[in-house]
Amino acid sequence: NAGIEDGKKATVRMIRDGTSPVIPMDSTVYLGDFPVNSSVTCRYRVSISGEAHNASYPAGAAVTYQNRYGETVTTATETFGIPVSGKPGFRIVSEPVSISPGTDQLVMVRFLNTGDQTARGAEAHITVVDPFTSSDSGAYLGDLRPGETGSADLRLAAAGDTRPGDYQLDTEVRFRDALDTSQVSDPIRLNVTV
């Protein structure tokens, strides 16, 4: 409070700045008394839209309070920046999987964290479609820091009448981010040769 009077029943409201990809989910924090020359730290939950990338985006804050005459007053909006990490990303860095018709085998797939944040408790999953099946379609990768790889042993079977050729199956990585929010990567294509 850099003003000249104490604020009573003060609240601080976070305000979305235009079309910023930072969208407040809880917009108001109650402070109560806000004396001159005091400061407070407020925490807000925000949503980040899909078009955000590794940058700082604007948001605003305004304080509403009762002045010494009992009037409700709202300050001018102060703009500040919120740093946003890049979207988490993963890529398969292992060789294409090779499998023979009528076999069921354990295949090793290596995933690289191409994002700029740690993926905590990461798990890899494969989505199988005909002519493939899987009796064990998930594997634990652990915590993957940016630039680290994790290996997943996934069970894959090809039907006996599968035609030789190149196929693609979708995989994904599920993990928890720095705020302990559950996240799922975009689909990652796994090349399979029969």
N, C-alpha and C. Protein backbone atom coordinates (compact mmCIF):
# COMPACT_ATOMS: atom_id res chain seq x y z
N ASN A 1 0.85 -1.18 0.00
CA ASN A 1 0.00 0.00 0.00
C ASN A 1 0.89 1.23 0.00
N ALA A 2 1.03 1.84 -1.15
CA ALA A 2 1.89 3.02 -1.29
C ALA A 2 1.07 4.30 -1.22
N GLY A 3 -0.21 4.17 -0.81
CA GLY A 3 -1.08 5.34 -0.73
C GLY A 3 -0.89 6.12 0.54
N ILE A 4 -1.87 7.00 0.82
CA ILE A 4 -1.78 7.88 2.00
C ILE A 4 -2.75 7.49 3.09
N GLU A 5 -3.54 6.42 2.87
CA GLU A 5 -4.46 5.99 3.92
C GLU A 5 -4.58 4.48 3.94
N ASP A 6 -4.96 3.98 5.12
CA ASP A 6 -5.17 2.54 5.29
C ASP A 6 -6.42 2.12 4.53
N GLY A 7 -6.37 0.91 4.00
CA GLY A 7 -7.55 0.35 3.36
C GLY A 7 -8.23 -0.63 4.30
N LYS A 8 -9.55 -0.57 4.37
CA LYS A 8 -10.33 -1.51 5.18
C LYS A 8 -11.10 -2.43 4.25
N LYS A 9 -11.32 -3.67 4.70
CA LYS A 9 -12.07 -4.66 3.91
C LYS A 9 -11.53 -4.74 2.47
N ALA A 10 -10.21 -4.76 2.36
CA ALA A 10 -9.56 -4.72 1.04
C ALA A 10 -9.58 -6.09 0.36
N THR A 11 -9.76 -6.04 -0.95
CA THR A 11 -9.64 -7.23 -1.80
C THR A 11 -8.73 -6.88 -2.97
N VAL A 12 -8.04 -7.89 -3.49
CA VAL A 12 -7.21 -7.70 -4.68
C VAL A 12 -7.77 -8.60 -5.77
N ARG A 13 -8.10 -7.97 -6.89
CA ARG A 13 -8.69 -8.71 -8.01
C ARG A 13 -7.67 -8.82 -9.13
N MET A 14 -7.49 -10.06 -9.62
CA MET A 14 -6.64 -10.28 -10.79
C MET A 14 -7.52 -10.19 -12.03
N ILE A 15 -7.02 -9.49 -13.05
CA ILE A 15 -7.81 -9.18 -14.23
C ILE A 15 -7.10 -9.68 -15.49
N ARG A 16 -7.84 -10.39 -16.33
CA ARG A 16 -7.27 -10.83 -17.61
C ARG A 16 -6.99 -9.61 -18.47
N ASP A 17 -5.86 -9.59 -19.14
CA ASP A 17 -5.46 -8.48 -19.99
C ASP A 17 -5.85 -8.78 -21.44
N GLY A 18 -6.94 -8.22 -21.90
CA GLY A 18 -7.37 -8.42 -23.29
C GLY A 18 -7.55 -9.88 -23.63
N THR A 19 -6.82 -10.33 -24.64
CA THR A 19 -6.92 -11.73 -25.08
C THR A 19 -5.72 -12.56 -24.61
N SER A 20 -5.07 -12.11 -23.55
CA SER A 20 -3.93 -12.84 -23.00
C SER A 20 -4.30 -14.31 -22.77
N PRO A 21 -3.37 -15.24 -23.03
CA PRO A 21 -3.66 -16.65 -22.78
C PRO A 21 -3.67 -17.02 -21.30
N VAL A 22 -3.35 -16.05 -20.41
CA VAL A 22 -3.41 -16.28 -18.97
C VAL A 22 -4.80 -15.86 -18.49
N ILE A 23 -5.59 -16.84 -18.04
CA ILE A 23 -6.98 -16.60 -17.67
C ILE A 23 -7.16 -16.90 -16.18
N PRO A 24 -7.49 -15.88 -15.37
CA PRO A 24 -7.68 -16.12 -13.93
C PRO A 24 -8.84 -17.08 -13.67
N MET A 25 -8.62 -18.07 -12.80
CA MET A 25 -9.68 -18.98 -12.40
C MET A 25 -10.28 -18.53 -11.07
N ASP A 26 -9.44 -18.11 -10.10
CA ASP A 26 -9.94 -17.45 -8.90
C ASP A 26 -9.45 -16.02 -9.06
N SER A 27 -10.37 -15.08 -9.08
CA SER A 27 -9.96 -13.72 -9.43
C SER A 27 -9.80 -12.79 -8.25
N THR A 28 -10.31 -13.15 -7.06
CA THR A 28 -10.27 -12.20 -5.94
C THR A 28 -9.70 -12.84 -4.67
N VAL A 29 -8.81 -12.09 -4.00
CA VAL A 29 -8.26 -12.50 -2.71
C VAL A 29 -8.65 -11.44 -1.69
N TYR A 30 -9.19 -11.88 -0.56
CA TYR A 30 -9.59 -10.95 0.50
C TYR A 30 -8.40 -10.68 1.42
N LEU A 31 -8.14 -9.39 1.67
CA LEU A 31 -7.03 -9.00 2.53
C LEU A 31 -7.49 -8.53 3.91
N GLY A 32 -8.66 -7.91 3.98
CA GLY A 32 -9.07 -7.27 5.24
C GLY A 32 -8.41 -5.92 5.34
N ASP A 33 -7.76 -5.64 6.47
CA ASP A 33 -7.07 -4.36 6.64
C ASP A 33 -5.78 -4.35 5.83
N PHE A 34 -5.53 -3.22 5.15
CA PHE A 34 -4.34 -3.08 4.31
C PHE A 34 -3.70 -1.73 4.65
N PRO A 35 -2.87 -1.71 5.72
CA PRO A 35 -2.28 -0.44 6.20
C PRO A 35 -1.29 0.17 5.21
N VAL A 36 -1.13 1.48 5.33
CA VAL A 36 -0.14 2.21 4.53
C VAL A 36 1.24 1.59 4.75
N ASN A 37 2.04 1.51 3.70
CA ASN A 37 3.41 0.99 3.70
C ASN A 37 3.50 -0.50 4.00
N SER A 38 2.39 -1.22 3.90
CA SER A 38 2.45 -2.67 4.07
C SER A 38 2.35 -3.32 2.68
N SER A 39 2.75 -4.57 2.61
CA SER A 39 2.65 -5.31 1.35
C SER A 39 2.11 -6.70 1.64
N VAL A 40 1.51 -7.29 0.62
CA VAL A 40 0.96 -8.63 0.75
C VAL A 40 1.32 -9.43 -0.51
N THR A 41 1.33 -10.73 -0.36
CA THR A 41 1.52 -11.63 -1.49
C THR A 41 0.22 -12.37 -1.71
N CYS A 42 -0.27 -12.35 -2.93
CA CYS A 42 -1.53 -13.03 -3.27
C CYS A 42 -1.25 -14.16 -4.25
N ARG A 43 -1.95 -15.27 -4.06
CA ARG A 43 -1.81 -16.42 -4.96
C ARG A 43 -3.13 -16.64 -5.68
N TYR A 44 -3.05 -16.87 -6.98
CA TYR A 44 -4.23 -17.10 -7.81
C TYR A 44 -4.02 -18.35 -8.65
N ARG A 45 -5.09 -19.04 -8.90
CA ARG A 45 -5.05 -20.15 -9.85
C ARG A 45 -5.43 -19.60 -11.21
N VAL A 46 -4.62 -19.92 -12.24
CA VAL A 46 -4.90 -19.43 -13.58
C VAL A 46 -4.94 -20.62 -14.55
N SER A 47 -5.59 -20.39 -15.66
CA SER A 47 -5.61 -21.36 -16.75
C SER A 47 -4.79 -20.77 -17.89
N ILE A 48 -4.03 -21.61 -18.57
CA ILE A 48 -3.21 -21.15 -19.69
C ILE A 48 -3.78 -21.77 -20.96
N SER A 49 -4.19 -20.94 -21.91
CA SER A 49 -4.79 -21.47 -23.13
C SER A 49 -3.73 -22.15 -24.00
N GLY A 50 -4.19 -22.98 -24.92
CA GLY A 50 -3.29 -23.81 -25.73
C GLY A 50 -2.35 -23.05 -26.64
N GLU A 51 -2.68 -21.80 -27.00
CA GLU A 51 -1.79 -21.07 -27.91
C GLU A 51 -0.63 -20.38 -27.20
N ALA A 52 -0.54 -20.51 -25.88
CA ALA A 52 0.57 -19.91 -25.14
C ALA A 52 1.87 -20.64 -25.44
N HIS A 53 2.97 -19.93 -25.39
CA HIS A 53 4.29 -20.54 -25.55
C HIS A 53 5.22 -19.95 -24.51
N ASN A 54 6.49 -20.25 -24.58
CA ASN A 54 7.46 -19.83 -23.57
C ASN A 54 7.67 -18.32 -23.65
N ALA A 55 6.91 -17.57 -22.82
CA ALA A 55 6.98 -16.10 -22.84
C ALA A 55 6.36 -15.57 -21.56
N SER A 56 6.41 -14.26 -21.40
CA SER A 56 5.75 -13.60 -20.27
C SER A 56 4.52 -12.88 -20.82
N TYR A 57 3.36 -13.07 -20.16
CA TYR A 57 2.11 -12.50 -20.64
C TYR A 57 1.54 -11.53 -19.60
N PRO A 58 0.85 -10.48 -20.07
CA PRO A 58 0.34 -9.47 -19.13
C PRO A 58 -0.92 -9.92 -18.40
N ALA A 59 -1.06 -9.42 -17.18
CA ALA A 59 -2.28 -9.55 -16.38
C ALA A 59 -2.37 -8.26 -15.57
N GLY A 60 -3.52 -8.02 -14.98
CA GLY A 60 -3.70 -6.81 -14.20
C GLY A 60 -4.15 -7.13 -12.78
N ALA A 61 -3.97 -6.17 -11.89
CA ALA A 61 -4.44 -6.29 -10.51
C ALA A 61 -4.98 -4.94 -10.06
N ALA A 62 -6.09 -4.98 -9.32
CA ALA A 62 -6.67 -3.76 -8.76
C ALA A 62 -7.13 -4.07 -7.33
N VAL A 63 -6.97 -3.09 -6.44
CA VAL A 63 -7.36 -3.24 -5.05
C VAL A 63 -8.66 -2.44 -4.82
N THR A 64 -9.63 -3.11 -4.22
CA THR A 64 -10.87 -2.44 -3.80
C THR A 64 -10.88 -2.41 -2.28
N TYR A 65 -11.20 -1.25 -1.69
CA TYR A 65 -11.14 -1.12 -0.24
C TYR A 65 -12.13 -0.03 0.22
N GLN A 66 -12.34 0.03 1.51
CA GLN A 66 -13.11 1.14 2.10
C GLN A 66 -12.13 2.17 2.63
N ASN A 67 -12.36 3.44 2.25
CA ASN A 67 -11.49 4.50 2.75
C ASN A 67 -11.97 4.98 4.12
N ARG A 68 -11.33 6.00 4.67
CA ARG A 68 -11.65 6.47 6.03
C ARG A 68 -13.07 7.04 6.16
N TYR A 69 -13.71 7.34 5.02
CA TYR A 69 -15.08 7.86 5.04
C TYR A 69 -16.10 6.74 4.84
N GLY A 70 -15.63 5.49 4.73
CA GLY A 70 -16.53 4.36 4.52
C GLY A 70 -16.94 4.16 3.07
N GLU A 71 -16.33 4.90 2.16
CA GLU A 71 -16.64 4.77 0.73
C GLU A 71 -15.82 3.62 0.14
N THR A 72 -16.42 2.90 -0.78
CA THR A 72 -15.71 1.83 -1.48
C THR A 72 -14.99 2.43 -2.67
N VAL A 73 -13.68 2.20 -2.72
CA VAL A 73 -12.81 2.78 -3.75
C VAL A 73 -12.03 1.65 -4.43
N THR A 74 -11.84 1.78 -5.73
CA THR A 74 -11.03 0.81 -6.47
C THR A 74 -9.86 1.54 -7.12
N THR A 75 -8.66 1.01 -6.94
CA THR A 75 -7.46 1.63 -7.51
C THR A 75 -7.44 1.44 -9.03
N ALA A 76 -6.56 2.16 -9.67
CA ALA A 76 -6.30 1.92 -11.09
C ALA A 76 -5.67 0.54 -11.24
N THR A 77 -5.88 -0.08 -12.37
CA THR A 77 -5.31 -1.41 -12.62
C THR A 77 -3.82 -1.31 -12.88
N GLU A 78 -3.04 -2.11 -12.16
CA GLU A 78 -1.59 -2.21 -12.38
C GLU A 78 -1.34 -3.44 -13.24
N THR A 79 -0.54 -3.29 -14.29
CA THR A 79 -0.23 -4.42 -15.17
C THR A 79 1.11 -5.03 -14.76
N PHE A 80 1.16 -6.35 -14.79
CA PHE A 80 2.39 -7.08 -14.47
C PHE A 80 2.49 -8.28 -15.40
N GLY A 81 3.65 -8.91 -15.43
CA GLY A 81 3.87 -10.05 -16.33
C GLY A 81 3.85 -11.37 -15.59
N ILE A 82 3.33 -12.40 -16.26
CA ILE A 82 3.32 -13.76 -15.72
C ILE A 82 4.10 -14.64 -16.67
N PRO A 83 5.23 -15.19 -16.22
CA PRO A 83 6.01 -16.07 -17.10
C PRO A 83 5.30 -17.41 -17.29
N VAL A 84 5.25 -17.86 -18.54
CA VAL A 84 4.61 -19.13 -18.88
C VAL A 84 5.66 -20.03 -19.52
N SER A 85 5.77 -21.24 -19.00
CA SER A 85 6.70 -22.21 -19.58
C SER A 85 6.13 -22.72 -20.89
N GLY A 86 7.00 -23.19 -21.75
CA GLY A 86 6.55 -23.76 -23.01
C GLY A 86 5.72 -25.01 -22.80
N LYS A 87 4.96 -25.36 -23.81
CA LYS A 87 4.12 -26.54 -23.74
C LYS A 87 5.00 -27.78 -23.61
N PRO A 88 4.63 -28.70 -22.72
CA PRO A 88 5.43 -29.92 -22.59
C PRO A 88 5.39 -30.72 -23.88
N GLY A 89 6.49 -31.32 -24.20
CA GLY A 89 6.56 -32.09 -25.44
C GLY A 89 7.41 -33.32 -25.28
N PHE A 90 7.11 -34.32 -26.07
CA PHE A 90 7.86 -35.58 -26.05
C PHE A 90 8.05 -36.06 -27.47
N ARG A 91 9.12 -36.81 -27.68
CA ARG A 91 9.42 -37.38 -28.98
C ARG A 91 9.99 -38.77 -28.75
N ILE A 92 9.68 -39.68 -29.65
CA ILE A 92 10.26 -41.02 -29.59
C ILE A 92 11.63 -40.97 -30.26
N VAL A 93 12.66 -41.46 -29.54
CA VAL A 93 14.02 -41.41 -30.08
C VAL A 93 14.61 -42.80 -30.29
N SER A 94 13.80 -43.83 -30.08
CA SER A 94 14.29 -45.20 -30.32
C SER A 94 14.02 -45.59 -31.78
N GLU A 95 14.63 -46.68 -32.18
CA GLU A 95 14.44 -47.19 -33.54
C GLU A 95 13.00 -47.66 -33.72
N PRO A 96 12.50 -47.69 -34.97
CA PRO A 96 11.15 -48.23 -35.20
C PRO A 96 11.05 -49.66 -34.68
N VAL A 97 9.87 -50.02 -34.23
CA VAL A 97 9.62 -51.36 -33.71
C VAL A 97 9.43 -52.32 -34.87
N SER A 98 9.98 -53.51 -34.73
CA SER A 98 9.81 -54.55 -35.76
C SER A 98 9.18 -55.77 -35.09
N ILE A 99 8.12 -56.28 -35.71
CA ILE A 99 7.40 -57.42 -35.14
C ILE A 99 6.92 -58.32 -36.27
N SER A 100 6.90 -59.62 -36.02
CA SER A 100 6.46 -60.58 -37.03
C SER A 100 4.98 -60.94 -36.81
N PRO A 101 4.25 -61.25 -37.89
CA PRO A 101 2.86 -61.66 -37.74
C PRO A 101 2.73 -62.87 -36.81
N GLY A 102 1.70 -62.84 -35.98
CA GLY A 102 1.45 -63.97 -35.08
C GLY A 102 2.32 -64.01 -33.85
N THR A 103 3.09 -62.94 -33.58
CA THR A 103 3.96 -62.93 -32.40
C THR A 103 3.47 -61.91 -31.38
N ASP A 104 3.90 -62.14 -30.16
CA ASP A 104 3.60 -61.25 -29.04
C ASP A 104 4.94 -60.97 -28.38
N GLN A 105 5.37 -59.71 -28.36
CA GLN A 105 6.69 -59.43 -27.81
C GLN A 105 6.71 -58.13 -27.02
N LEU A 106 7.74 -58.02 -26.18
CA LEU A 106 7.98 -56.81 -25.41
C LEU A 106 8.84 -55.90 -26.28
N VAL A 107 8.37 -54.67 -26.50
CA VAL A 107 9.13 -53.72 -27.32
C VAL A 107 9.57 -52.57 -26.43
N MET A 108 10.78 -52.09 -26.66
CA MET A 108 11.32 -50.99 -25.87
C MET A 108 11.20 -49.70 -26.68
N VAL A 109 10.54 -48.70 -26.07
CA VAL A 109 10.35 -47.41 -26.72
C VAL A 109 10.95 -46.34 -25.81
N ARG A 110 11.83 -45.49 -26.39
CA ARG A 110 12.48 -44.43 -25.61
C ARG A 110 11.82 -43.09 -25.93
N PHE A 111 11.42 -42.37 -24.86
CA PHE A 111 10.76 -41.07 -25.00
C PHE A 111 11.71 -39.98 -24.50
N LEU A 112 11.84 -38.91 -25.28
CA LEU A 112 12.66 -37.75 -24.92
C LEU A 112 11.75 -36.60 -24.51
N ASN A 113 12.03 -35.99 -23.34
CA ASN A 113 11.29 -34.81 -22.91
C ASN A 113 11.87 -33.61 -23.66
N THR A 114 11.13 -33.10 -24.65
CA THR A 114 11.58 -31.96 -25.45
C THR A 114 11.07 -30.63 -24.90
N GLY A 115 10.33 -30.67 -23.79
CA GLY A 115 9.79 -29.45 -23.19
C GLY A 115 10.82 -28.77 -22.31
N ASP A 116 10.37 -27.72 -21.61
CA ASP A 116 11.28 -26.99 -20.74
C ASP A 116 10.88 -27.10 -19.27
N GLN A 117 10.13 -28.16 -18.94
CA GLN A 117 9.79 -28.40 -17.54
C GLN A 117 9.88 -29.90 -17.25
N THR A 118 10.07 -30.22 -15.99
CA THR A 118 10.18 -31.62 -15.58
C THR A 118 8.81 -32.27 -15.63
N ALA A 119 8.74 -33.45 -16.22
CA ALA A 119 7.52 -34.26 -16.24
C ALA A 119 7.64 -35.23 -15.07
N ARG A 120 6.85 -35.03 -14.03
CA ARG A 120 6.94 -35.84 -12.81
C ARG A 120 6.04 -37.06 -12.92
N GLY A 121 6.57 -38.19 -12.48
CA GLY A 121 5.79 -39.43 -12.49
C GLY A 121 5.27 -39.79 -13.87
N ALA A 122 6.08 -39.60 -14.90
CA ALA A 122 5.64 -39.82 -16.28
C ALA A 122 5.34 -41.29 -16.55
N GLU A 123 4.29 -41.51 -17.32
CA GLU A 123 3.90 -42.86 -17.75
C GLU A 123 3.63 -42.83 -19.25
N ALA A 124 4.13 -43.83 -19.95
CA ALA A 124 3.88 -43.95 -21.39
C ALA A 124 2.75 -44.94 -21.62
N HIS A 125 1.91 -44.64 -22.62
CA HIS A 125 0.80 -45.52 -22.98
C HIS A 125 0.73 -45.62 -24.49
N ILE A 126 0.36 -46.80 -24.97
CA ILE A 126 0.20 -47.03 -26.40
C ILE A 126 -1.26 -47.37 -26.69
N THR A 127 -1.78 -46.83 -27.78
CA THR A 127 -3.14 -47.14 -28.23
C THR A 127 -3.02 -48.09 -29.41
N VAL A 128 -3.55 -49.30 -29.24
CA VAL A 128 -3.44 -50.29 -30.31
C VAL A 128 -4.74 -50.39 -31.09
N VAL A 129 -4.61 -50.63 -32.38
CA VAL A 129 -5.75 -50.83 -33.27
C VAL A 129 -5.48 -52.08 -34.09
N ASP A 130 -6.55 -52.66 -34.61
CA ASP A 130 -6.44 -53.86 -35.43
C ASP A 130 -5.43 -53.65 -36.56
N PRO A 131 -4.49 -54.51 -36.79
CA PRO A 131 -4.35 -55.90 -36.36
C PRO A 131 -3.47 -56.10 -35.12
N PHE A 132 -3.26 -55.05 -34.34
CA PHE A 132 -2.40 -55.15 -33.17
C PHE A 132 -3.24 -55.24 -31.89
N THR A 133 -2.66 -55.89 -30.89
CA THR A 133 -3.25 -55.94 -29.56
C THR A 133 -2.12 -55.76 -28.54
N SER A 134 -2.52 -55.50 -27.29
CA SER A 134 -1.53 -55.34 -26.23
C SER A 134 -2.13 -55.80 -24.92
N SER A 135 -1.41 -56.64 -24.21
CA SER A 135 -1.85 -57.07 -22.88
C SER A 135 -1.24 -56.20 -21.79
N ASP A 136 -0.30 -55.33 -22.15
CA ASP A 136 0.35 -54.42 -21.20
C ASP A 136 0.72 -53.16 -21.97
N SER A 137 -0.22 -52.19 -22.03
CA SER A 137 -0.06 -51.03 -22.90
C SER A 137 0.50 -49.80 -22.18
N GLY A 138 0.94 -49.94 -20.94
CA GLY A 138 1.48 -48.79 -20.21
C GLY A 138 2.77 -49.14 -19.49
N ALA A 139 3.61 -48.13 -19.27
CA ALA A 139 4.88 -48.32 -18.56
C ALA A 139 5.26 -47.03 -17.84
N TYR A 140 5.86 -47.18 -16.66
CA TYR A 140 6.29 -46.05 -15.86
C TYR A 140 7.64 -45.55 -16.34
N LEU A 141 7.76 -44.24 -16.58
CA LEU A 141 9.02 -43.65 -17.03
C LEU A 141 9.76 -42.93 -15.90
N GLY A 142 9.03 -42.50 -14.86
CA GLY A 142 9.64 -41.76 -13.76
C GLY A 142 9.64 -40.27 -14.03
N ASP A 143 10.47 -39.54 -13.30
CA ASP A 143 10.60 -38.10 -13.49
C ASP A 143 11.56 -37.84 -14.64
N LEU A 144 11.13 -37.06 -15.62
CA LEU A 144 11.98 -36.74 -16.77
C LEU A 144 12.21 -35.24 -16.83
N ARG A 145 13.46 -34.82 -16.58
CA ARG A 145 13.80 -33.41 -16.71
C ARG A 145 13.93 -33.07 -18.20
N PRO A 146 13.89 -31.78 -18.55
CA PRO A 146 14.05 -31.40 -19.95
C PRO A 146 15.33 -32.02 -20.54
N GLY A 147 15.21 -32.63 -21.69
CA GLY A 147 16.35 -33.26 -22.36
C GLY A 147 16.64 -34.68 -21.92
N GLU A 148 15.93 -35.18 -20.92
CA GLU A 148 16.14 -36.56 -20.47
C GLU A 148 15.23 -37.52 -21.22
N THR A 149 15.69 -38.78 -21.29
CA THR A 149 14.89 -39.82 -21.92
C THR A 149 14.50 -40.87 -20.90
N GLY A 150 13.40 -41.53 -21.17
CA GLY A 150 12.93 -42.63 -20.35
C GLY A 150 12.51 -43.78 -21.24
N SER A 151 12.72 -45.00 -20.78
CA SER A 151 12.40 -46.19 -21.57
C SER A 151 11.12 -46.84 -21.08
N ALA A 152 10.30 -47.25 -22.04
CA ALA A 152 9.06 -47.95 -21.73
C ALA A 152 9.08 -49.31 -22.41
N ASP A 153 8.87 -50.36 -21.64
CA ASP A 153 8.72 -51.70 -22.21
C ASP A 153 7.23 -51.95 -22.36
N LEU A 154 6.78 -52.02 -23.60
CA LEU A 154 5.36 -52.19 -23.91
C LEU A 154 5.16 -53.51 -24.63
N ARG A 155 4.08 -54.23 -24.30
CA ARG A 155 3.81 -55.51 -24.94
C ARG A 155 2.95 -55.27 -26.17
N LEU A 156 3.38 -55.82 -27.31
CA LEU A 156 2.69 -55.63 -28.58
C LEU A 156 2.58 -56.96 -29.30
N ALA A 157 1.39 -57.23 -29.81
CA ALA A 157 1.17 -58.47 -30.57
C ALA A 157 0.57 -58.10 -31.91
N ALA A 158 0.97 -58.85 -32.94
CA ALA A 158 0.42 -58.66 -34.29
C ALA A 158 -0.33 -59.94 -34.67
N ALA A 159 -1.53 -59.78 -35.20
CA ALA A 159 -2.33 -60.94 -35.61
C ALA A 159 -1.59 -61.74 -36.67
N GLY A 160 -1.89 -63.04 -36.73
CA GLY A 160 -1.21 -63.93 -37.67
C GLY A 160 -1.41 -63.55 -39.13
N ASP A 161 -2.54 -62.90 -39.45
CA ASP A 161 -2.81 -62.54 -40.85
C ASP A 161 -2.44 -61.09 -41.17
N THR A 162 -1.59 -60.48 -40.31
CA THR A 162 -1.18 -59.09 -40.55
C THR A 162 -0.33 -59.01 -41.81
N ARG A 163 -0.67 -58.09 -42.68
CA ARG A 163 0.08 -57.91 -43.93
C ARG A 163 1.40 -57.21 -43.64
N PRO A 164 2.50 -57.66 -44.23
CA PRO A 164 3.78 -56.98 -44.05
C PRO A 164 3.67 -55.52 -44.50
N GLY A 165 4.37 -54.66 -43.80
CA GLY A 165 4.36 -53.24 -44.16
C GLY A 165 4.69 -52.37 -42.96
N ASP A 166 4.56 -51.07 -43.17
CA ASP A 166 4.84 -50.09 -42.13
C ASP A 166 3.53 -49.56 -41.57
N TYR A 167 3.45 -49.50 -40.25
CA TYR A 167 2.25 -49.03 -39.54
C TYR A 167 2.65 -47.94 -38.56
N GLN A 168 1.65 -47.19 -38.11
CA GLN A 168 1.88 -46.19 -37.06
C GLN A 168 0.83 -46.38 -35.97
N LEU A 169 1.28 -46.37 -34.73
CA LEU A 169 0.40 -46.44 -33.58
C LEU A 169 0.61 -45.20 -32.73
N ASP A 170 -0.46 -44.73 -32.10
CA ASP A 170 -0.36 -43.55 -31.24
C ASP A 170 0.10 -43.94 -29.84
N THR A 171 1.00 -43.13 -29.30
CA THR A 171 1.41 -43.25 -27.90
C THR A 171 1.19 -41.88 -27.26
N GLU A 172 1.22 -41.85 -25.93
CA GLU A 172 1.11 -40.59 -25.20
C GLU A 172 1.87 -40.74 -23.89
N VAL A 173 2.22 -39.59 -23.31
CA VAL A 173 2.88 -39.58 -22.01
C VAL A 173 1.97 -38.81 -21.06
N ARG A 174 1.64 -39.44 -19.94
CA ARG A 174 0.87 -38.79 -18.87
C ARG A 174 1.83 -38.45 -17.75
N PHE A 175 1.68 -37.26 -17.17
CA PHE A 175 2.63 -36.82 -16.14
C PHE A 175 1.98 -35.73 -15.30
N ARG A 176 2.70 -35.30 -14.24
CA ARG A 176 2.25 -34.19 -13.41
C ARG A 176 3.25 -33.05 -13.58
N ASP A 177 2.71 -31.84 -13.69
CA ASP A 177 3.58 -30.68 -13.91
C ASP A 177 4.04 -30.08 -12.58
N ALA A 178 4.69 -28.92 -12.65
CA ALA A 178 5.26 -28.28 -11.45
C ALA A 178 4.19 -27.90 -10.43
N LEU A 179 2.94 -27.70 -10.88
CA LEU A 179 1.85 -27.37 -9.98
C LEU A 179 1.08 -28.61 -9.55
N ASP A 180 1.63 -29.80 -9.85
CA ASP A 180 1.02 -31.09 -9.52
C ASP A 180 -0.31 -31.30 -10.24
N THR A 181 -0.43 -30.70 -11.42
CA THR A 181 -1.61 -30.88 -12.26
C THR A 181 -1.35 -32.01 -13.24
N SER A 182 -2.33 -32.89 -13.40
CA SER A 182 -2.19 -34.01 -14.33
C SER A 182 -2.23 -33.49 -15.77
N GLN A 183 -1.30 -33.94 -16.59
CA GLN A 183 -1.19 -33.51 -17.99
C GLN A 183 -1.06 -34.73 -18.89
N VAL A 184 -1.46 -34.57 -20.14
CA VAL A 184 -1.30 -35.62 -21.14
C VAL A 184 -0.68 -34.98 -22.38
N SER A 185 0.35 -35.60 -22.92
CA SER A 185 1.01 -35.06 -24.11
C SER A 185 0.10 -35.19 -25.33
N ASP A 186 0.47 -34.47 -26.38
CA ASP A 186 -0.16 -34.71 -27.67
C ASP A 186 0.21 -36.12 -28.13
N PRO A 187 -0.58 -36.73 -29.03
CA PRO A 187 -0.21 -38.07 -29.52
C PRO A 187 1.18 -38.07 -30.17
N ILE A 188 1.92 -39.14 -29.90
CA ILE A 188 3.27 -39.31 -30.46
C ILE A 188 3.23 -40.59 -31.31
N ARG A 189 3.59 -40.49 -32.58
CA ARG A 189 3.51 -41.65 -33.47
C ARG A 189 4.67 -42.62 -33.28
N LEU A 190 4.32 -43.87 -33.11
CA LEU A 190 5.30 -44.95 -33.03
C LEU A 190 5.27 -45.72 -34.34
N ASN A 191 6.42 -45.78 -35.03
CA ASN A 191 6.52 -46.52 -36.29
C ASN A 191 6.72 -48.01 -36.00
N VAL A 192 5.89 -48.83 -36.60
CA VAL A 192 5.95 -50.28 -36.42
C VAL A 192 6.09 -50.94 -37.79
N THR A 193 7.11 -51.80 -37.94
CA THR A 193 7.30 -52.54 -39.19
C THR A 193 6.94 -54.00 -38.95
N VAL A 194 6.10 -54.53 -39.80
CA VAL A 194 5.74 -55.95 -39.73
C VAL A 194 6.43 -56.65 -40.88
